[in-house]
Amino acid sequence: MAKKPENLSFEEALQELEGIVTQLEQGDVPLEQALKQFERGIGLVRASQSKLDHAEQQVQILSQNGSADATLAPFPTEE
């Protein structure tokens, strides 16, 4: 069983998404399977975007500290 998109690393999600795109571009996937792959792809994109947003927030926090020995501060998440 495939992992939930949010449980994959960014790199794993990107690799799986590339595979889905390749399969869909070939055009020989039955409609029902294509829809499932498209739905999975949307989940992967959303989870990856969330990870990128979080990384950007961490970079901003570090940049604001302006210190070479700055550590990451926890950033409140919306849940």
N, C-alpha and C. Protein backbone atom coordinates (compact mmCIF):
# COMPACT_ATOMS: atom_id res chain seq x y z
N MET A 1 0.84 -1.19 0.00
CA MET A 1 0.00 0.00 0.00
C MET A 1 0.88 1.24 0.00
N ALA A 2 0.52 2.21 -0.78
CA ALA A 2 1.30 3.44 -0.92
C ALA A 2 1.17 4.30 0.34
N LYS A 3 2.28 4.96 0.66
CA LYS A 3 2.28 5.86 1.80
C LYS A 3 1.41 7.08 1.50
N LYS A 4 0.88 7.68 2.54
CA LYS A 4 0.16 8.93 2.37
C LYS A 4 1.14 9.99 1.89
N PRO A 5 0.71 10.90 1.01
CA PRO A 5 1.63 11.91 0.49
C PRO A 5 2.36 12.70 1.57
N GLU A 6 1.69 13.01 2.66
CA GLU A 6 2.31 13.80 3.72
C GLU A 6 3.39 13.02 4.48
N ASN A 7 3.40 11.69 4.33
CA ASN A 7 4.41 10.87 5.00
C ASN A 7 5.64 10.60 4.14
N LEU A 8 5.61 11.06 2.90
CA LEU A 8 6.75 10.90 1.99
C LEU A 8 7.69 12.08 2.14
N SER A 9 8.97 11.84 1.88
CA SER A 9 9.89 12.97 1.83
C SER A 9 9.57 13.76 0.56
N PHE A 10 10.06 14.98 0.50
CA PHE A 10 9.84 15.81 -0.68
C PHE A 10 10.36 15.09 -1.93
N GLU A 11 11.54 14.51 -1.82
CA GLU A 11 12.16 13.84 -2.96
C GLU A 11 11.36 12.61 -3.40
N GLU A 12 10.85 11.85 -2.44
CA GLU A 12 10.04 10.68 -2.77
C GLU A 12 8.75 11.10 -3.48
N ALA A 13 8.12 12.16 -2.97
CA ALA A 13 6.88 12.64 -3.58
C ALA A 13 7.13 13.12 -5.00
N LEU A 14 8.22 13.85 -5.20
CA LEU A 14 8.55 14.35 -6.53
C LEU A 14 8.81 13.20 -7.50
N GLN A 15 9.53 12.19 -7.05
CA GLN A 15 9.82 11.03 -7.90
C GLN A 15 8.53 10.31 -8.29
N GLU A 16 7.64 10.12 -7.32
CA GLU A 16 6.38 9.44 -7.63
C GLU A 16 5.53 10.29 -8.58
N LEU A 17 5.52 11.58 -8.36
CA LEU A 17 4.76 12.48 -9.22
C LEU A 17 5.29 12.43 -10.66
N GLU A 18 6.60 12.39 -10.82
CA GLU A 18 7.19 12.28 -12.16
C GLU A 18 6.75 10.99 -12.84
N GLY A 19 6.68 9.90 -12.07
CA GLY A 19 6.22 8.62 -12.62
C GLY A 19 4.77 8.68 -13.07
N ILE A 20 3.94 9.34 -12.28
CA ILE A 20 2.52 9.47 -12.63
C ILE A 20 2.37 10.29 -13.91
N VAL A 21 3.10 11.39 -14.00
CA VAL A 21 3.03 12.23 -15.20
C VAL A 21 3.45 11.45 -16.43
N THR A 22 4.52 10.69 -16.32
CA THR A 22 5.00 9.89 -17.45
C THR A 22 3.92 8.89 -17.90
N GLN A 23 3.30 8.21 -16.95
CA GLN A 23 2.26 7.23 -17.28
C GLN A 23 1.07 7.91 -17.95
N LEU A 24 0.65 9.05 -17.42
CA LEU A 24 -0.51 9.74 -17.99
C LEU A 24 -0.20 10.30 -19.37
N GLU A 25 1.03 10.75 -19.58
CA GLU A 25 1.42 11.29 -20.89
C GLU A 25 1.42 10.21 -21.97
N GLN A 26 1.67 8.97 -21.59
CA GLN A 26 1.68 7.89 -22.56
C GLN A 26 0.28 7.62 -23.12
N GLY A 27 -0.74 7.96 -22.34
CA GLY A 27 -2.10 7.89 -22.82
C GLY A 27 -2.73 6.51 -22.89
N ASP A 28 -2.06 5.49 -22.41
CA ASP A 28 -2.63 4.14 -22.49
C ASP A 28 -3.15 3.63 -21.15
N VAL A 29 -3.42 4.53 -20.22
CA VAL A 29 -3.94 4.18 -18.91
C VAL A 29 -5.47 4.24 -18.97
N PRO A 30 -6.16 3.19 -18.51
CA PRO A 30 -7.62 3.23 -18.48
C PRO A 30 -8.13 4.43 -17.68
N LEU A 31 -9.27 4.95 -18.06
CA LEU A 31 -9.81 6.18 -17.47
C LEU A 31 -9.88 6.11 -15.95
N GLU A 32 -10.42 5.04 -15.40
CA GLU A 32 -10.56 4.92 -13.95
C GLU A 32 -9.20 4.99 -13.25
N GLN A 33 -8.22 4.29 -13.80
CA GLN A 33 -6.87 4.32 -13.22
C GLN A 33 -6.24 5.70 -13.40
N ALA A 34 -6.49 6.34 -14.53
CA ALA A 34 -5.96 7.68 -14.77
C ALA A 34 -6.52 8.67 -13.75
N LEU A 35 -7.80 8.56 -13.44
CA LEU A 35 -8.41 9.43 -12.45
C LEU A 35 -7.81 9.21 -11.06
N LYS A 36 -7.57 7.94 -10.72
CA LYS A 36 -6.94 7.64 -9.43
C LYS A 36 -5.53 8.19 -9.37
N GLN A 37 -4.78 8.06 -10.47
CA GLN A 37 -3.43 8.59 -10.51
C GLN A 37 -3.43 10.11 -10.44
N PHE A 38 -4.38 10.73 -11.11
CA PHE A 38 -4.50 12.19 -11.08
C PHE A 38 -4.79 12.65 -9.64
N GLU A 39 -5.70 11.95 -8.97
CA GLU A 39 -6.02 12.28 -7.58
C GLU A 39 -4.80 12.12 -6.68
N ARG A 40 -4.06 11.05 -6.88
CA ARG A 40 -2.82 10.83 -6.11
C ARG A 40 -1.82 11.95 -6.40
N GLY A 41 -1.71 12.33 -7.66
CA GLY A 41 -0.81 13.41 -8.05
C GLY A 41 -1.15 14.72 -7.38
N ILE A 42 -2.43 15.04 -7.30
CA ILE A 42 -2.87 16.27 -6.63
C ILE A 42 -2.46 16.22 -5.15
N GLY A 43 -2.64 15.09 -4.51
CA GLY A 43 -2.23 14.94 -3.11
C GLY A 43 -0.74 15.11 -2.94
N LEU A 44 0.04 14.57 -3.87
CA LEU A 44 1.49 14.71 -3.81
C LEU A 44 1.91 16.17 -3.99
N VAL A 45 1.27 16.86 -4.92
CA VAL A 45 1.58 18.28 -5.15
C VAL A 45 1.27 19.10 -3.90
N ARG A 46 0.12 18.87 -3.31
CA ARG A 46 -0.26 19.64 -2.12
C ARG A 46 0.69 19.39 -0.95
N ALA A 47 1.04 18.14 -0.72
CA ALA A 47 1.95 17.81 0.37
C ALA A 47 3.34 18.40 0.11
N SER A 48 3.78 18.35 -1.14
CA SER A 48 5.09 18.91 -1.49
C SER A 48 5.10 20.43 -1.32
N GLN A 49 4.02 21.08 -1.73
CA GLN A 49 3.93 22.54 -1.58
C GLN A 49 3.96 22.92 -0.10
N SER A 50 3.29 22.13 0.72
CA SER A 50 3.30 22.38 2.16
C SER A 50 4.71 22.28 2.73
N LYS A 51 5.45 21.27 2.28
CA LYS A 51 6.83 21.10 2.74
C LYS A 51 7.71 22.27 2.28
N LEU A 52 7.50 22.73 1.05
CA LEU A 52 8.26 23.88 0.55
C LEU A 52 7.93 25.14 1.34
N ASP A 53 6.65 25.34 1.63
CA ASP A 53 6.24 26.51 2.42
C ASP A 53 6.89 26.48 3.80
N HIS A 54 6.92 25.31 4.42
CA HIS A 54 7.51 25.17 5.74
C HIS A 54 9.01 25.46 5.69
N ALA A 55 9.68 24.96 4.66
CA ALA A 55 11.11 25.21 4.51
C ALA A 55 11.37 26.71 4.31
N GLU A 56 10.52 27.36 3.55
CA GLU A 56 10.67 28.80 3.32
C GLU A 56 10.51 29.57 4.64
N GLN A 57 9.57 29.16 5.46
CA GLN A 57 9.38 29.80 6.75
C GLN A 57 10.61 29.63 7.63
N GLN A 58 11.20 28.44 7.60
CA GLN A 58 12.41 28.19 8.39
C GLN A 58 13.56 29.07 7.92
N VAL A 59 13.69 29.23 6.60
CA VAL A 59 14.75 30.09 6.06
C VAL A 59 14.52 31.53 6.49
N GLN A 60 13.29 31.98 6.46
CA GLN A 60 12.98 33.35 6.87
C GLN A 60 13.31 33.57 8.34
N ILE A 61 13.00 32.59 9.17
CA ILE A 61 13.30 32.70 10.60
C ILE A 61 14.80 32.79 10.81
N LEU A 62 15.54 31.93 10.12
CA LEU A 62 16.99 31.96 10.25
C LEU A 62 17.56 33.28 9.73
N SER A 63 17.04 33.77 8.64
CA SER A 63 17.52 35.03 8.07
C SER A 63 17.26 36.20 9.01
N GLN A 64 16.14 36.18 9.69
CA GLN A 64 15.78 37.27 10.61
C GLN A 64 16.70 37.27 11.83
N ASN A 65 17.15 36.10 12.23
CA ASN A 65 18.04 36.03 13.38
C ASN A 65 19.38 36.65 13.05
N GLY A 66 19.81 36.57 11.78
CA GLY A 66 21.03 37.20 11.32
C GLY A 66 22.30 36.71 11.96
N SER A 67 22.28 35.59 12.61
CA SER A 67 23.45 35.07 13.30
C SER A 67 23.91 33.79 12.62
N ALA A 68 25.22 33.62 12.52
CA ALA A 68 25.77 32.42 11.90
C ALA A 68 25.48 31.17 12.72
N ASP A 69 25.29 31.32 14.02
CA ASP A 69 25.02 30.17 14.87
C ASP A 69 23.55 30.07 15.24
N ALA A 70 22.68 30.66 14.42
CA ALA A 70 21.25 30.64 14.70
C ALA A 70 20.71 29.22 14.60
N THR A 71 19.74 28.92 15.42
CA THR A 71 19.08 27.61 15.37
C THR A 71 17.64 27.82 14.94
N LEU A 72 17.04 26.77 14.43
CA LEU A 72 15.65 26.85 14.00
C LEU A 72 14.74 26.98 15.20
N ALA A 73 13.80 27.89 15.10
CA ALA A 73 12.77 28.03 16.14
C ALA A 73 11.54 27.31 15.63
N PRO A 74 10.80 26.66 16.51
CA PRO A 74 9.58 25.99 16.05
C PRO A 74 8.61 27.01 15.49
N PHE A 75 8.01 26.66 14.39
CA PHE A 75 7.04 27.55 13.75
C PHE A 75 5.65 26.95 13.96
N PRO A 76 4.72 27.74 14.45
CA PRO A 76 3.38 27.18 14.71
C PRO A 76 2.75 26.69 13.41
N THR A 77 2.15 25.53 13.46
CA THR A 77 1.49 24.97 12.28
C THR A 77 -0.01 25.04 12.44
N GLU A 78 -0.67 25.08 11.31
CA GLU A 78 -2.14 25.09 11.33
C GLU A 78 -2.63 23.67 11.22
N GLU A 79 -3.33 23.22 12.22
CA GLU A 79 -3.87 21.85 12.17
C GLU A 79 -5.25 21.84 12.73
